[in-house]
PDB file of N, CA and C in Angstrom:
ATOM      1  N   MET A   1       6.917 118.791  69.424  1.00  0.00           N
ATOM      2  CA  MET A   1       6.811 117.465  68.908  1.00  0.00           C
ATOM      3  C   MET A   1       8.191 116.898  68.780  1.00  0.00           C
ATOM      4  N   ALA A   2       8.414 115.662  69.322  1.00  0.00           N
ATOM      5  CA  ALA A   2       9.691 114.986  69.266  1.00  0.00           C
ATOM      6  C   ALA A   2       9.862 114.250  67.923  1.00  0.00           C
ATOM      7  N   VAL A   3      11.059 114.175  67.492  1.00  0.00           N
ATOM      8  CA  VAL A   3      11.414 113.400  66.276  1.00  0.00           C
ATOM      9  C   VAL A   3      12.319 112.239  66.744  1.00  0.00           C
ATOM     10  N   VAL A   4      12.035 111.057  66.274  1.00  0.00           N
ATOM     11  CA  VAL A   4      12.824 109.939  66.619  1.00  0.00           C
ATOM     12  C   VAL A   4      13.350 109.273  65.369  1.00  0.00           C
ATOM     13  N   LYS A   5      14.460 108.577  65.510  1.00  0.00           N
ATOM     14  CA  LYS A   5      15.094 107.903  64.350  1.00  0.00           C
ATOM     15  C   LYS A   5      14.853 106.407  64.487  1.00  0.00           C
ATOM     16  N   ILE A   6      14.527 105.738  63.398  1.00  0.00           N
ATOM     17  CA  ILE A   6      14.403 104.321  63.356  1.00  0.00           C
ATOM     18  C   ILE A   6      15.743 103.686  63.232  1.00  0.00           C
ATOM     19  N   LEU A   7      16.100 102.841  64.235  1.00  0.00           N
ATOM     20  CA  LEU A   7      17.344 102.240  64.275  1.00  0.00           C
ATOM     21  C   LEU A   7      17.263 100.770  63.681  1.00  0.00           C
ATOM     22  N   ARG A   8      18.345 100.036  63.827  1.00  0.00           N
ATOM     23  CA  ARG A   8      18.398  98.648  63.404  1.00  0.00           C
ATOM     24  C   ARG A   8      17.223  97.896  64.014  1.00  0.00           C
ATOM     25  N   HIS A   9      16.661  96.994  63.251  1.00  0.00           N
ATOM     26  CA  HIS A   9      15.541  96.122  63.664  1.00  0.00           C
ATOM     27  C   HIS A   9      14.291  96.960  64.027  1.00  0.00           C
ATOM     28  N   GLY A  10      14.174  98.135  63.504  1.00  0.00           N
ATOM     29  CA  GLY A  10      12.974  98.931  63.663  1.00  0.00           C
ATOM     30  C   GLY A  10      12.844  99.603  65.065  1.00  0.00           C
ATOM     31  N   GLN A  11      13.958  99.622  65.813  1.00  0.00           N
ATOM     32  CA  GLN A  11      13.897 100.151  67.155  1.00  0.00           C
ATOM     33  C   GLN A  11      13.902 101.691  67.141  1.00  0.00           C
ATOM     34  N   ILE A  12      13.194 102.258  68.136  1.00  0.00           N
ATOM     35  CA  ILE A  12      13.184 103.703  68.299  1.00  0.00           C
ATOM     36  C   ILE A  12      13.459 103.981  69.828  1.00  0.00           C
ATOM     37  N   THR A  13      13.910 105.130  70.146  1.00  0.00           N
ATOM     38  CA  THR A  13      14.083 105.497  71.555  1.00  0.00           C
ATOM     39  C   THR A  13      12.993 106.564  71.832  1.00  0.00           C
ATOM     40  N   LEU A  14      12.205 106.338  72.900  1.00  0.00           N
ATOM     41  CA  LEU A  14      11.249 107.324  73.267  1.00  0.00           C
ATOM     42  C   LEU A  14      11.952 108.417  74.052  1.00  0.00           C
ATOM     43  N   PRO A  15      11.779 109.670  73.695  1.00  0.00           N
ATOM     44  CA  PRO A  15      12.415 110.759  74.436  1.00  0.00           C
ATOM     45  C   PRO A  15      12.018 110.764  75.898  1.00  0.00           C
ATOM     46  N   LYS A  16      12.909 111.177  76.732  1.00  0.00           N
ATOM     47  CA  LYS A  16      12.669 111.162  78.228  1.00  0.00           C
ATOM     48  C   LYS A  16      11.351 111.881  78.596  1.00  0.00           C
ATOM     49  N   GLU A  17      11.034 113.002  77.948  1.00  0.00           N
ATOM     50  CA  GLU A  17       9.786 113.663  78.303  1.00  0.00           C
ATOM     51  C   GLU A  17       8.531 112.829  77.949  1.00  0.00           C
ATOM     52  N   VAL A  18       8.610 112.091  76.880  1.00  0.00           N
ATOM     53  CA  VAL A  18       7.535 111.245  76.481  1.00  0.00           C
ATOM     54  C   VAL A  18       7.406 110.079  77.510  1.00  0.00           C
ATOM     55  N   ARG A  19       8.557 109.456  77.909  1.00  0.00           N
ATOM     56  CA  ARG A  19       8.501 108.381  78.916  1.00  0.00           C
ATOM     57  C   ARG A  19       7.936 108.853  80.209  1.00  0.00           C
ATOM     58  N   LYS A  20       8.283 110.085  80.608  1.00  0.00           N
ATOM     59  CA  LYS A  20       7.848 110.680  81.848  1.00  0.00           C
ATOM     60  C   LYS A  20       6.322 110.886  81.747  1.00  0.00           C
ATOM     61  N   ILE A  21       5.815 111.460  80.696  1.00  0.00           N
ATOM     62  CA  ILE A  21       4.380 111.617  80.490  1.00  0.00           C
ATOM     63  C   ILE A  21       3.567 110.337  80.535  1.00  0.00           C
ATOM     64  N   LEU A  22       4.119 109.274  79.917  1.00  0.00           N
ATOM     65  CA  LEU A  22       3.494 107.979  79.938  1.00  0.00           C
ATOM     66  C   LEU A  22       3.670 107.269  81.224  1.00  0.00           C
ATOM     67  N   GLY A  23       4.624 107.645  81.983  1.00  0.00           N
ATOM     68  CA  GLY A  23       4.920 106.965  83.247  1.00  0.00           C
ATOM     69  C   GLY A  23       5.563 105.582  83.037  1.00  0.00           C
ATOM     70  N   VAL A  24       6.374 105.507  82.016  1.00  0.00           N
ATOM     71  CA  VAL A  24       7.086 104.183  81.741  1.00  0.00           C
ATOM     72  C   VAL A  24       8.512 104.299  81.908  1.00  0.00           C
ATOM     73  N   GLU A  25       9.130 103.137  82.123  1.00  0.00           N
ATOM     74  CA  GLU A  25      10.574 103.046  82.252  1.00  0.00           C
ATOM     75  C   GLU A  25      11.024 101.734  81.594  1.00  0.00           C
ATOM     76  N   GLU A  26      12.381 101.563  81.587  1.00  0.00           N
ATOM     77  CA  GLU A  26      12.940 100.371  80.931  1.00  0.00           C
ATOM     78  C   GLU A  26      12.247  99.108  81.458  1.00  0.00           C
ATOM     79  N   GLY A  27      11.839  98.240  80.557  1.00  0.00           N
ATOM     80  CA  GLY A  27      11.247  96.965  80.869  1.00  0.00           C
ATOM     81  C   GLY A  27       9.713  96.977  80.890  1.00  0.00           C
ATOM     82  N   ASP A  28       9.067  98.167  80.841  1.00  0.00           N
ATOM     83  CA  ASP A  28       7.630  98.274  80.846  1.00  0.00           C
ATOM     84  C   ASP A  28       7.117  97.874  79.466  1.00  0.00           C
ATOM     85  N   LEU A  29       5.853  97.519  79.427  1.00  0.00           N
ATOM     86  CA  LEU A  29       5.228  97.053  78.179  1.00  0.00           C
ATOM     87  C   LEU A  29       4.334  98.200  77.672  1.00  0.00           C
ATOM     88  N   LEU A  30       4.348  98.340  76.328  1.00  0.00           N
ATOM     89  CA  LEU A  30       3.473  99.334  75.649  1.00  0.00           C
ATOM     90  C   LEU A  30       2.653  98.613  74.621  1.00  0.00           C
ATOM     91  N   GLU A  31       1.427  98.994  74.473  1.00  0.00           N
ATOM     92  CA  GLU A  31       0.576  98.510  73.358  1.00  0.00           C
ATOM     93  C   GLU A  31       0.788  99.518  72.253  1.00  0.00           C
ATOM     94  N   LEU A  32       1.042  99.066  71.005  1.00  0.00           N
ATOM     95  CA  LEU A  32       1.160  99.940  69.896  1.00  0.00           C
ATOM     96  C   LEU A  32      -0.001  99.697  68.990  1.00  0.00           C
ATOM     97  N   GLY A  33      -0.688 100.793  68.658  1.00  0.00           N
ATOM     98  CA  GLY A  33      -1.849 100.683  67.753  1.00  0.00           C
ATOM     99  C   GLY A  33      -1.796 101.779  66.671  1.00  0.00           C
ATOM    100  N   MET A  34      -2.674 101.617  65.735  1.00  0.00           N
ATOM    101  CA  MET A  34      -2.793 102.577  64.622  1.00  0.00           C
ATOM    102  C   MET A  34      -4.177 103.017  64.397  1.00  0.00           C
ATOM    103  N   GLU A  35      -4.362 104.296  64.166  1.00  0.00           N
ATOM    104  CA  GLU A  35      -5.665 104.826  63.763  1.00  0.00           C
ATOM    105  C   GLU A  35      -5.375 105.691  62.491  1.00  0.00           C
ATOM    106  N   ASP A  36      -5.884 105.259  61.385  1.00  0.00           N
ATOM    107  CA  ASP A  36      -5.567 105.844  60.111  1.00  0.00           C
ATOM    108  C   ASP A  36      -4.039 105.761  59.940  1.00  0.00           C
ATOM    109  N   THR A  37      -3.363 106.899  59.772  1.00  0.00           N
ATOM    110  CA  THR A  37      -1.874 106.928  59.623  1.00  0.00           C
ATOM    111  C   THR A  37      -1.210 107.319  60.904  1.00  0.00           C
ATOM    112  N   LYS A  38      -1.968 107.385  62.063  1.00  0.00           N
ATOM    113  CA  LYS A  38      -1.291 107.801  63.315  1.00  0.00           C
ATOM    114  C   LYS A  38      -1.024 106.555  64.145  1.00  0.00           C
ATOM    115  N   ILE A  39       0.063 106.545  64.842  1.00  0.00           N
ATOM    116  CA  ILE A  39       0.487 105.517  65.779  1.00  0.00           C
ATOM    117  C   ILE A  39       0.284 105.966  67.184  1.00  0.00           C
ATOM    118  N   PHE A  40      -0.236 105.115  68.075  1.00  0.00           N
ATOM    119  CA  PHE A  40      -0.318 105.439  69.462  1.00  0.00           C
ATOM    120  C   PHE A  40       0.295 104.354  70.317  1.00  0.00           C
ATOM    121  N   LEU A  41       0.810 104.783  71.477  1.00  0.00           N
ATOM    122  CA  LEU A  41       1.408 103.905  72.499  1.00  0.00           C
ATOM    123  C   LEU A  41       0.582 104.004  73.719  1.00  0.00           C
ATOM    124  N   LYS A  42       0.253 102.842  74.356  1.00  0.00           N
ATOM    125  CA  LYS A  42      -0.481 102.852  75.533  1.00  0.00           C
ATOM    126  C   LYS A  42       0.150 101.885  76.518  1.00  0.00           C
ATOM    127  N   PRO A  43       0.564 102.398  77.778  1.00  0.00           N
ATOM    128  CA  PRO A  43       1.206 101.520  78.744  1.00  0.00           C
ATOM    129  C   PRO A  43       0.241 100.381  79.069  1.00  0.00           C
ATOM    130  N   LYS A  44       0.889  99.213  79.226  1.00  0.00           N
ATOM    131  CA  LYS A  44       0.139  97.981  79.552  1.00  0.00           C
ATOM    132  C   LYS A  44       0.765  97.243  80.741  1.00  0.00           C
ATOM    133  N   VAL A  45      -0.010  96.429  81.396  1.00  0.00           N
ATOM    134  CA  VAL A  45       0.521  95.535  82.448  1.00  0.00           C
ATOM    135  C   VAL A  45      -0.063  94.155  82.205  1.00  0.00           C
ATOM    136  N   LEU A  46       0.798  93.166  82.278  1.00  0.00           N
ATOM    137  CA  LEU A  46       0.359  91.803  82.156  1.00  0.00           C
ATOM    138  C   LEU A  46       0.030  91.288  83.564  1.00  0.00           C
ATOM    139  N   VAL A  47      -1.140  90.614  83.651  1.00  0.00           N
ATOM    140  CA  VAL A  47      -1.575  90.116  84.929  1.00  0.00           C
ATOM    141  C   VAL A  47      -2.009  88.680  84.758  1.00  0.00           C
ATOM    142  N   ASP A  48      -1.514  87.814  85.608  1.00  0.00           N
ATOM    143  CA  ASP A  48      -1.929  86.442  85.566  1.00  0.00           C
ATOM    144  C   ASP A  48      -3.347  86.369  85.975  1.00  0.00           C
ATOM    145  N   LYS A  49      -4.287  85.766  85.175  1.00  0.00           N
ATOM    146  CA  LYS A  49      -5.659  85.805  85.495  1.00  0.00           C
ATOM    147  C   LYS A  49      -6.018  85.108  86.771  1.00  0.00           C
ATOM    148  N   GLU A  50      -5.138  84.144  87.152  1.00  0.00           N
ATOM    149  CA  GLU A  50      -5.433  83.424  88.415  1.00  0.00           C
ATOM    150  C   GLU A  50      -5.147  84.352  89.670  1.00  0.00           C
ATOM    151  N   SER A  51      -4.307  85.343  89.434  1.00  0.00           N
ATOM    152  CA  SER A  51      -4.035  86.210  90.582  1.00  0.00           C
ATOM    153  C   SER A  51      -5.023  87.378  90.751  1.00  0.00           C
ATOM    154  N   VAL A  52      -5.925  87.507  89.797  1.00  0.00           N
ATOM    155  CA  VAL A  52      -6.881  88.615  89.790  1.00  0.00           C
ATOM    156  C   VAL A  52      -8.011  88.343  90.779  1.00  0.00           C
ATOM    157  N   LEU A  53      -8.466  87.098  90.842  1.00  0.00           N
ATOM    158  CA  LEU A  53      -9.631  86.750  91.644  1.00  0.00           C
ATOM    159  C   LEU A  53      -9.155  86.295  93.013  1.00  0.00           C
ATOM    160  N   SER A  54      -9.999  86.678  94.067  1.00  0.00           N
ATOM    161  CA  SER A  54      -9.691  86.132  95.386  1.00  0.00           C
ATOM    162  C   SER A  54     -10.210  84.724  95.376  1.00  0.00           C
ATOM    163  N   GLU A  55      -9.867  84.014  96.484  1.00  0.00           N
ATOM    164  CA  GLU A  55     -10.381  82.638  96.538  1.00  0.00           C
ATOM    165  C   GLU A  55     -11.888  82.646  96.554  1.00  0.00           C
ATOM    166  N   GLY A  56     -12.508  83.580  97.251  1.00  0.00           N
ATOM    167  CA  GLY A  56     -13.945  83.703  97.274  1.00  0.00           C
ATOM    168  C   GLY A  56     -14.523  83.984  95.879  1.00  0.00           C
ATOM    169  N   GLY A  57     -13.837  84.754  95.099  1.00  0.00           N
ATOM    170  CA  GLY A  57     -14.282  85.050  93.772  1.00  0.00           C
ATOM    171  C   GLY A  57     -14.203  83.804  92.861  1.00  0.00           C
ATOM    172  N   LYS A  58     -13.148  83.076  93.075  1.00  0.00           N
ATOM    173  CA  LYS A  58     -12.980  81.816  92.266  1.00  0.00           C
ATOM    174  C   LYS A  58     -14.065  80.849  92.576  1.00  0.00           C
ATOM    175  N   ILE A  59     -14.440  80.784  93.832  1.00  0.00           N
ATOM    176  CA  ILE A  59     -15.542  79.850  94.274  1.00  0.00           C
ATOM    177  C   ILE A  59     -16.853  80.331  93.575  1.00  0.00           C
ATOM    178  N   LYS A  60     -17.089  81.645  93.603  1.00  0.00           N
ATOM    179  CA  LYS A  60     -18.366  82.136  93.022  1.00  0.00           C
ATOM    180  C   LYS A  60     -18.436  81.881  91.532  1.00  0.00           C
ATOM    181  N   ILE A  61     -17.285  82.052  90.873  1.00  0.00           N
ATOM    182  CA  ILE A  61     -17.261  81.742  89.402  1.00  0.00           C
ATOM    183  C   ILE A  61     -17.523  80.249  89.181  1.00  0.00           C
ATOM    184  N   LYS A  62     -16.930  79.404  89.968  1.00  0.00           N
ATOM    185  CA  LYS A  62     -17.126  77.921  89.868  1.00  0.00           C
ATOM    186  C   LYS A  62     -18.629  77.627  90.106  1.00  0.00           C
ATOM    187  N   GLU A  63     -19.231  78.191  91.094  1.00  0.00           N
ATOM    188  CA  GLU A  63     -20.609  77.980  91.406  1.00  0.00           C
ATOM    189  C   GLU A  63     -21.519  78.460  90.308  1.00  0.00           C
ATOM    190  N   ALA A  64     -21.223  79.640  89.712  1.00  0.00           N
ATOM    191  CA  ALA A  64     -21.939  80.184  88.629  1.00  0.00           C
ATOM    192  C   ALA A  64     -21.920  79.252  87.412  1.00  0.00           C
ATOM    193  N   LEU A  65     -20.683  78.739  87.062  1.00  0.00           N
ATOM    194  CA  LEU A  65     -20.550  77.897  85.878  1.00  0.00           C
ATOM    195  C   LEU A  65     -21.300  76.575  86.119  1.00  0.00           C
ATOM    196  N   GLU A  66     -21.288  76.055  87.329  1.00  0.00           N
ATOM    197  CA  GLU A  66     -22.057  74.862  87.627  1.00  0.00           C
ATOM    198  C   GLU A  66     -23.553  75.109  87.536  1.00  0.00           C
ATOM    199  N   ALA A  67     -24.008  76.264  87.939  1.00  0.00           N
ATOM    200  CA  ALA A  67     -25.462  76.632  87.803  1.00  0.00           C
ATOM    201  C   ALA A  67     -25.864  76.726  86.356  1.00  0.00           C
ATOM    202  N   ILE A  68     -25.004  77.230  85.579  1.00  0.00           N
ATOM    203  CA  ILE A  68     -25.307  77.359  84.114  1.00  0.00           C
ATOM    204  C   ILE A  68     -25.417  75.944  83.528  1.00  0.00           C
ATOM    205  N   ASP A  69     -24.441  75.074  83.857  1.00  0.00           N
ATOM    206  CA  ASP A  69     -24.456  73.705  83.407  1.00  0.00           C
ATOM    207  C   ASP A  69     -25.760  72.979  83.798  1.00  0.00           C
ATOM    208  N   LYS A  70     -26.274  73.263  85.066  1.00  0.00           N
ATOM    209  CA  LYS A  70     -27.481  72.608  85.595  1.00  0.00           C
ATOM    210  C   LYS A  70     -28.750  73.330  85.074  1.00  0.00           C
ATOM    211  N   LYS A  71     -28.573  74.398  84.333  1.00  0.00           N
ATOM    212  CA  LYS A  71     -29.700  75.205  83.890  1.00  0.00           C
ATOM    213  C   LYS A  71     -30.465  75.838  85.088  1.00  0.00           C
ATOM    214  N   GLU A  72     -29.758  76.160  86.102  1.00  0.00           N
ATOM    215  CA  GLU A  72     -30.287  76.780  87.294  1.00  0.00           C
ATOM    216  C   GLU A  72     -30.140  78.265  87.325  1.00  0.00           C
ATOM    217  N   ILE A  73     -30.340  78.918  86.177  1.00  0.00           N
ATOM    218  CA  ILE A  73     -30.149  80.315  86.026  1.00  0.00           C
ATOM    219  C   ILE A  73     -31.446  80.992  85.757  1.00  0.00           C
ATOM    220  N   LYS A  74     -31.517  82.297  85.993  1.00  0.00           N
ATOM    221  CA  LYS A  74     -32.709  83.047  85.720  1.00  0.00           C
ATOM    222  C   LYS A  74     -32.388  83.961  84.478  1.00  0.00           C
ATOM    223  N   GLU A  75     -33.322  84.096  83.639  1.00  0.00           N
ATOM    224  CA  GLU A  75     -33.133  84.969  82.442  1.00  0.00           C
ATOM    225  C   GLU A  75     -34.027  86.184  82.702  1.00  0.00           C
ATOM    226  N   PHE A  76     -33.586  87.316  82.239  1.00  0.00           N
ATOM    227  CA  PHE A  76     -34.379  88.555  82.335  1.00  0.00           C
ATOM    228  C   PHE A  76     -34.457  89.226  80.957  1.00  0.00           C
ATOM    229  N   ASP A  77     -35.588  89.793  80.751  1.00  0.00           N
ATOM    230  CA  ASP A  77     -35.865  90.480  79.458  1.00  0.00           C
ATOM    231  C   ASP A  77     -35.058  91.758  79.360  1.00  0.00           C
ATOM    232  N   ASP A  78     -34.831  92.387  80.401  1.00  0.00           N
ATOM    233  CA  ASP A  78     -34.125  93.717  80.419  1.00  0.00           C
ATOM    234  C   ASP A  78     -33.464  93.963  81.811  1.00  0.00           C
ATOM    235  N   VAL A  79     -32.698  95.021  81.889  1.00  0.00           N
ATOM    236  CA  VAL A  79     -31.959  95.397  83.097  1.00  0.00           C
ATOM    237  C   VAL A  79     -32.985  95.684  84.163  1.00  0.00           C
ATOM    238  N   GLU A  80     -34.098  96.306  83.876  1.00  0.00           N
ATOM    239  CA  GLU A  80     -35.043  96.768  84.900  1.00  0.00           C
ATOM    240  C   GLU A  80     -35.618  95.512  85.621  1.00  0.00           C
ATOM    241  N   ASP A  81     -35.801  94.411  84.889  1.00  0.00           N
ATOM    242  CA  ASP A  81     -36.300  93.145  85.534  1.00  0.00           C
ATOM    243  C   ASP A  81     -35.263  92.564  86.481  1.00  0.00           C
ATOM    244  N   LEU A  82     -33.978  92.633  86.055  1.00  0.00           N
ATOM    245  CA  LEU A  82     -32.935  92.157  86.871  1.00  0.00           C
ATOM    246  C   LEU A  82     -32.790  92.938  88.186  1.00  0.00           C
ATOM    247  N   ILE A  83     -32.901  94.316  88.019  1.00  0.00           N
ATOM    248  CA  ILE A  83     -32.786  95.198  89.232  1.00  0.00           C
ATOM    249  C   ILE A  83     -33.971  94.908  90.152  1.00  0.00           C
ATOM    250  N   ASN A  84     -35.158  94.747  89.608  1.00  0.00           N
ATOM    251  CA  ASN A  84     -36.314  94.418  90.463  1.00  0.00           C
ATOM    252  C   ASN A  84     -36.100  93.130  91.196  1.00  0.00           C
ATOM    253  N   GLU A  85     -35.557  92.089  90.532  1.00  0.00           N
ATOM    254  CA  GLU A  85     -35.295  90.781  91.193  1.00  0.00           C
ATOM    255  C   GLU A  85     -34.275  90.977  92.362  1.00  0.00           C
ATOM    256  N   LEU A  86     -33.236  91.783  92.095  1.00  0.00           N
ATOM    257  CA  LEU A  86     -32.231  91.969  93.063  1.00  0.00           C
ATOM    258  C   LEU A  86     -32.610  92.797  94.232  1.00  0.00           C
ATOM    259  N   THR A  87     -33.603  93.676  94.058  1.00  0.00           N
ATOM    260  CA  THR A  87     -33.968  94.646  95.151  1.00  0.00           C
ATOM    261  C   THR A  87     -35.245  94.252  95.855  1.00  0.00           C
ATOM    262  N   HIS A  88     -35.939  93.203  95.408  1.00  0.00           N
ATOM    263  CA  HIS A  88     -37.148  92.742  96.117  1.00  0.00           C
ATOM    264  C   HIS A  88     -37.075  91.388  96.642  1.00  0.00           C
TER     265      HIS A  88
END
C-alpha cells in the first residue's frame, strides 16, 4: 500500500506504480469519488457530444425527435412486444 503526503492546496502525487496500473499520465483526468470513508480514482475522458455521433446518427436522432413531436411513435407494454414488432 502506498502512502502519499498532502501538499499545498490539497495536492498529492500518485506513485508511479499506481499511475501505471491506472494507465494515466500527466494531464489525464481522474474522477474522484467516495464510498463510506474510502476514496477511489477512476480515469476519465472528456468527449464533445457532437463528435460522438456520425452524420447518419445525427440525422436519425433528429428524425426520432421530430417523430416524437408529431406523436408518430409506437408504445410497447414490454420488451417482448418490441422484439416481436422488430422481428416480424
